Protein backbone atom coordinates (compact mmCIF):
# COMPACT_ATOMS: atom_id res chain seq x y z
CA MET A 1 0.00 0.00 0.00
CA GLY A 2 2.79 2.41 0.88
CA ALA A 3 4.56 1.75 -2.44
CA THR A 4 1.32 2.27 -4.34
CA CYS A 5 0.70 5.59 -2.63
CA ASP A 6 4.21 6.75 -3.45
CA CYS A 7 3.70 5.84 -7.09
CA ASP A 8 0.42 7.72 -7.22
CA GLN A 9 2.00 10.78 -5.66
CA THR A 10 4.89 10.65 -8.11
CA ARG A 11 2.52 10.24 -11.04
CA PHE A 12 0.44 13.32 -10.20
CA ARG A 13 3.28 15.48 -8.90
CA LYS A 14 3.46 18.80 -10.74
CA LYS A 15 6.59 19.16 -12.83
CA GLU A 16 8.85 21.98 -11.67
CA ILE A 17 9.83 24.69 -14.13
CA SER A 18 13.56 24.73 -14.73
CA SER A 19 15.66 27.85 -15.13
CA GLY A 20 16.61 26.66 -18.61
CA ALA A 21 12.95 26.61 -19.66
CA VAL A 22 12.46 30.12 -18.31
CA TYR A 23 15.44 31.46 -20.24
CA HIS A 24 14.36 29.57 -23.37
CA HIS A 25 11.03 31.38 -23.45
CA PHE A 26 12.63 34.70 -22.49
CA PHE A 27 15.10 34.32 -25.37
CA LYS A 28 12.30 33.39 -27.76
CA TRP A 29 9.95 36.21 -26.73
CA SER A 30 12.78 38.75 -26.82
CA HIS A 31 13.65 37.94 -30.42
CA ASP A 32 10.13 37.54 -31.84
CA GLY A 33 8.91 40.86 -30.41
CA SER A 34 6.45 39.45 -27.87
CA LEU A 35 7.91 41.38 -24.93
CA LYS A 36 7.89 44.58 -26.97
CA THR A 37 4.22 43.98 -27.76
CA VAL A 38 3.45 43.56 -24.04
CA TRP A 39 5.12 46.90 -23.31
CA GLN A 40 3.23 48.63 -26.13
CA HIS A 41 -0.08 47.27 -24.83
CA SER A 42 0.80 48.63 -21.39
CA ILE A 43 1.04 52.09 -23.00
CA LEU A 44 -2.41 51.67 -24.56
CA THR A 45 -3.82 50.47 -21.23
CA LEU A 46 -2.83 53.73 -19.54
CA GLY A 47 -5.11 55.74 -21.81
CA ALA A 48 -6.08 58.97 -20.06
CA GLU A 49 -3.31 58.49 -17.48
CA LEU A 50 -0.76 59.62 -20.08
CA ASN A 51 0.31 63.26 -20.20
CA LEU A 52 1.81 63.77 -23.64
CA SER A 53 2.13 67.53 -23.38
CA GLU A 54 5.79 66.93 -22.51
CA LEU A 55 8.19 64.24 -23.74
CA ASN A 56 11.46 63.68 -21.90
CA LEU A 57 14.49 62.01 -23.46
CA ASP A 58 17.56 60.89 -21.57
CA GLY A 59 20.15 58.14 -21.70
CA THR A 60 21.56 55.72 -19.15
CA HIS A 61 24.74 53.66 -19.37
CA THR A 62 24.85 50.10 -18.05
CA LEU A 63 28.06 48.25 -17.28
CA ALA A 64 28.48 45.07 -19.34
CA LYS A 65 30.41 42.30 -17.63
CA LYS A 66 30.36 39.68 -20.38
CA GLY A 67 30.67 41.84 -23.49
CA GLY A 68 28.37 41.17 -26.42
CA GLU A 69 26.59 43.25 -29.04
CA SER A 70 26.69 47.07 -28.77
CA VAL A 71 29.25 46.99 -25.96
CA ALA A 72 32.31 49.27 -25.89
CA TYR A 73 34.56 51.05 -23.42
CA GLN A 74 33.21 54.24 -21.83
CA GLY A 75 35.81 56.44 -20.14
CA ARG A 76 33.47 58.10 -17.65
CA LYS A 77 32.26 54.73 -16.35
CA ARG A 78 35.75 53.20 -16.66
CA GLY A 79 34.35 50.07 -18.18
CA LYS A 80 32.46 48.58 -21.10
CA THR A 81 28.91 49.86 -21.25
CA SER A 82 25.73 49.94 -23.31
CA ASN A 83 23.44 52.95 -23.59
CA ILE A 84 19.66 53.03 -23.97
CA LEU A 85 17.57 56.17 -24.59
CA PRO A 86 13.93 55.86 -23.44
CA ILE A 87 11.33 58.61 -23.90
CA MET A 88 8.97 59.34 -20.99
CA ASP A 89 5.81 61.41 -20.76
CA ALA A 90 5.26 64.12 -18.14
CA ASN A 91 4.19 61.51 -15.57
CA GLY A 92 7.26 59.34 -16.07
CA TYR A 93 5.62 56.55 -18.09
CA VAL A 94 7.88 55.07 -20.77
CA VAL A 95 6.15 55.63 -24.12
CA ALA A 96 9.04 55.00 -26.56
CA SER A 97 12.63 53.85 -26.64
CA THR A 98 15.58 53.74 -28.98
CA GLY A 99 17.78 50.78 -29.71
CA ILE A 100 21.00 49.95 -27.87
CA LEU A 101 24.06 52.17 -28.35
CA ALA A 102 27.63 51.14 -27.63
CA GLY A 103 29.19 53.00 -24.72
CA ASN A 104 31.95 54.62 -26.78
CA HIS A 105 29.39 56.76 -28.67
CA ASN A 106 27.91 59.99 -27.35
CA ASP A 107 24.18 60.35 -26.79
CA ALA A 108 23.66 62.18 -30.10
CA TYR A 109 25.16 59.35 -32.18
CA GLN A 110 22.64 58.39 -34.91
CA LEU A 111 20.06 60.44 -33.03
CA LYS A 112 18.04 61.36 -36.13
CA PRO A 113 17.08 57.78 -37.16
CA HIS A 114 16.45 56.87 -33.53
CA LEU A 115 14.07 59.80 -33.05
CA GLN A 116 12.33 59.06 -36.33
CA THR A 117 11.73 55.47 -35.24
CA ALA A 118 10.51 56.52 -31.79
CA PHE A 119 8.08 59.15 -33.12
CA LYS A 120 6.72 56.72 -35.71
CA GLN A 121 6.17 54.10 -33.01
CA MET A 122 4.18 56.56 -30.89
CA LYS A 123 2.08 57.64 -33.87
CA ARG A 124 1.48 54.01 -34.79
CA LEU A 125 0.04 53.50 -31.30
CA GLY A 126 -2.26 56.47 -31.83
CA LEU A 127 -0.54 58.73 -29.29
CA PRO A 128 -1.22 62.44 -29.99
CA ILE A 129 2.28 63.92 -29.76
CA ALA A 130 1.73 66.95 -32.01
CA GLY A 131 2.44 70.15 -30.12
CA ALA A 132 4.28 68.41 -27.26
CA TYR A 133 7.45 69.84 -25.76
CA PHE A 134 10.46 67.60 -26.32
CA ASN A 135 12.82 68.00 -23.36
CA ALA A 136 16.43 66.86 -23.69
CA ASP A 137 19.74 68.11 -22.32
CA SER A 138 22.34 70.01 -24.33
CA ALA A 139 24.07 66.77 -25.40
CA PHE A 140 21.14 66.25 -27.82
CA ASP A 141 21.38 69.74 -29.32
CA THR A 142 21.90 68.97 -33.02
CA ARG A 143 20.36 70.43 -36.15
CA ALA A 144 19.17 67.00 -37.25
CA ALA A 145 17.39 66.39 -33.94
CA ARG A 146 15.63 69.75 -34.02
CA LYS A 147 14.60 69.27 -37.63
CA THR A 148 13.23 65.80 -36.88
CA CYS A 149 11.16 67.21 -34.02
CA PHE A 150 9.68 69.92 -36.24
CA ASN A 151 8.90 67.39 -38.98
CA HIS A 152 6.80 65.37 -36.52
CA GLY A 153 5.06 68.38 -35.00
CA VAL A 154 7.03 68.27 -31.74
CA ILE A 155 8.54 71.40 -30.16
CA PRO A 156 12.23 70.87 -29.26
CA ASN A 157 12.94 72.31 -25.81
CA ILE A 158 16.69 71.77 -25.70
CA PRO A 159 19.23 74.15 -24.13
CA GLU A 160 21.75 75.34 -26.66
CA ASN A 161 25.12 73.61 -26.53
CA GLN A 162 27.77 76.31 -26.59
CA ARG A 163 30.38 73.85 -27.86
CA ASN A 164 28.53 73.45 -31.16
CA ARG A 165 29.63 76.88 -32.41
CA LYS A 166 32.67 79.10 -32.05
CA GLN A 167 30.65 82.33 -32.12
CA PRO A 168 27.24 83.16 -30.63
CA LYS A 169 24.26 82.54 -32.90
CA ARG A 170 23.14 85.70 -34.68
CA GLY A 171 19.52 86.70 -34.92
CA ARG A 172 16.58 85.41 -32.89
CA LYS A 173 17.38 82.94 -30.14
CA ARG A 174 15.98 79.45 -30.29
CA LEU A 175 12.87 78.65 -28.31
CA PHE A 176 13.64 77.38 -24.83
CA ASN A 177 11.14 77.19 -21.97
CA ALA A 178 13.09 76.88 -18.73
CA GLU A 179 9.97 76.16 -16.66
CA VAL A 180 9.03 73.17 -18.83
CA TYR A 181 12.62 71.99 -18.92
CA ARG A 182 12.75 72.03 -15.10
CA ARG A 183 10.04 69.35 -14.99
CA ARG A 184 12.35 67.00 -16.84
CA PHE A 185 13.32 65.47 -13.48
CA THR A 186 10.59 62.88 -14.06
CA ALA A 187 13.02 61.11 -16.40
CA GLU A 188 15.50 60.68 -13.53
CA ARG A 189 12.70 59.34 -11.38
CA THR A 190 11.87 56.77 -14.04
CA PHE A 191 15.52 55.69 -14.18
CA ALA A 192 15.38 55.22 -10.40
CA TRP A 193 12.37 52.94 -10.89
CA VAL A 194 14.25 50.98 -13.56
CA ASP A 195 17.24 50.58 -11.22
CA LYS A 196 15.00 48.72 -8.78
CA PHE A 197 15.13 45.82 -11.24
CA ARG A 198 18.50 44.48 -10.12
CA ARG A 199 18.90 42.38 -13.25
CA LEU A 200 19.24 45.61 -15.27
CA LEU A 201 21.91 47.24 -13.09
CA ILE A 202 24.64 45.21 -14.83
CA ARG A 203 24.29 43.77 -18.31
CA PHE A 204 24.91 40.03 -18.55
CA GLU A 205 23.02 39.40 -21.83
CA ARG A 206 25.23 39.17 -24.89
CA TYR A 207 22.40 39.83 -27.36
CA ASP A 208 20.83 43.26 -27.76
CA ALA A 209 17.41 41.67 -28.21
CA CYS A 210 17.60 40.00 -24.78
CA PHE A 211 18.85 43.17 -23.09
CA LEU A 212 16.03 45.16 -24.68
CA GLY A 213 13.53 42.43 -23.79
CA ALA A 214 14.44 42.73 -20.11
CA HIS A 215 13.91 46.49 -20.33
CA TYR A 216 10.54 45.99 -22.02
CA ILE A 217 9.43 43.91 -19.03
CA ALA A 218 10.57 46.67 -16.65
CA PHE A 219 8.89 49.38 -18.75
CA ALA A 220 5.60 47.46 -18.81
CA MET A 221 5.66 46.90 -15.04
CA ILE A 222 6.42 50.58 -14.42
CA ASN A 223 3.56 51.63 -16.69
CA LEU A 224 1.04 49.22 -15.18
CA ARG A 225 1.85 49.47 -11.49
CA HIS A 226 -0.54 52.36 -10.90
CA VAL A 227 -3.25 50.64 -12.93
CA VAL A 228 -2.89 47.44 -10.92
CA ALA A 229 -2.83 49.32 -7.61
CA LYS A 230 -5.95 51.22 -8.59
CA SER A 231 -7.81 48.04 -9.53
CA LEU A 232 -6.86 46.41 -6.22
CA ASN A 233 -8.06 49.40 -4.19
CA GLU A 234 -11.41 49.64 -5.97
CA PRO A 235 -14.09 47.45 -4.32
CA GLU A 236 -15.59 44.71 -6.43
CA PRO A 237 -19.34 44.64 -7.18
CA LEU A 238 -21.32 44.29 -3.89
CA GLN A 239 -18.06 44.45 -1.95
CA TRP A 240 -18.96 48.01 -0.89
CA TYR A 241 -21.96 46.55 1.00
CA PHE A 242 -19.77 44.45 3.27
CA LEU A 243 -17.52 47.43 4.00
CA LEU A 244 -20.41 49.31 5.61
CA ALA A 245 -21.13 49.37 9.29
CA GLU A 246 -24.08 47.35 10.63
CA GLU A 247 -26.32 50.42 11.00
CA GLU A 248 -25.56 51.52 7.43
CA ARG A 249 -26.41 48.03 6.18
CA ASP A 250 -29.84 48.27 7.85
CA GLN A 251 -30.46 51.58 6.11
CA VAL A 252 -29.56 50.02 2.79
CA ARG A 253 -31.94 47.09 3.42
CA GLN A 254 -34.80 49.49 4.21
CA CYS A 255 -34.19 51.36 0.95
């Protein structure tokens, strides 16, 4: 009897998920675009929560311990890094992102095609970005970047980089709203949220697709955390009745 019971328990025991199976699906979903689709649907789920009157661009370097694609030495970090440039709305939600840049390039490297891709992605999702302020620091002050913003109906709000010219610009100064630019701190707050995902503090993935896939998971969780918290705090149908005091329940019964 004891042997039979052991066999029955072994037969119906749930098979444990191995770490290899988890990474297999993560690798697959990173390369076929599934994780990117999840992140894009998180943007659509936000709906009215988005504030697209301001778009904030900034970059963050991540140390790469194992090398791989788009990895190069960065003197300021004193190590090999990769750079990613996400775009956040005024509330800090990640609404677009560029590809991966090697650490030896500055932030403005190939900025025009990256901005074109990001703006097209947002328009493809139906996000109304026309007329929005595009906040970025002086490292992104290039003619190509400003022209790309104007072509997509976005107002570049970038402080002028004095190193781009030997003499002061003649004529009318470029538009720059310091008050709007001051609210760009939400991008730093979003980076602090991303840093809470310890897997992203140091890059171990050799493939850009896997490194981006991990960021897509983080972006989706950041975008949806307020939505999930709101749904948990809202009482379910008829749940409000059980939250009332006994006297209030009697009043409801009489009505």
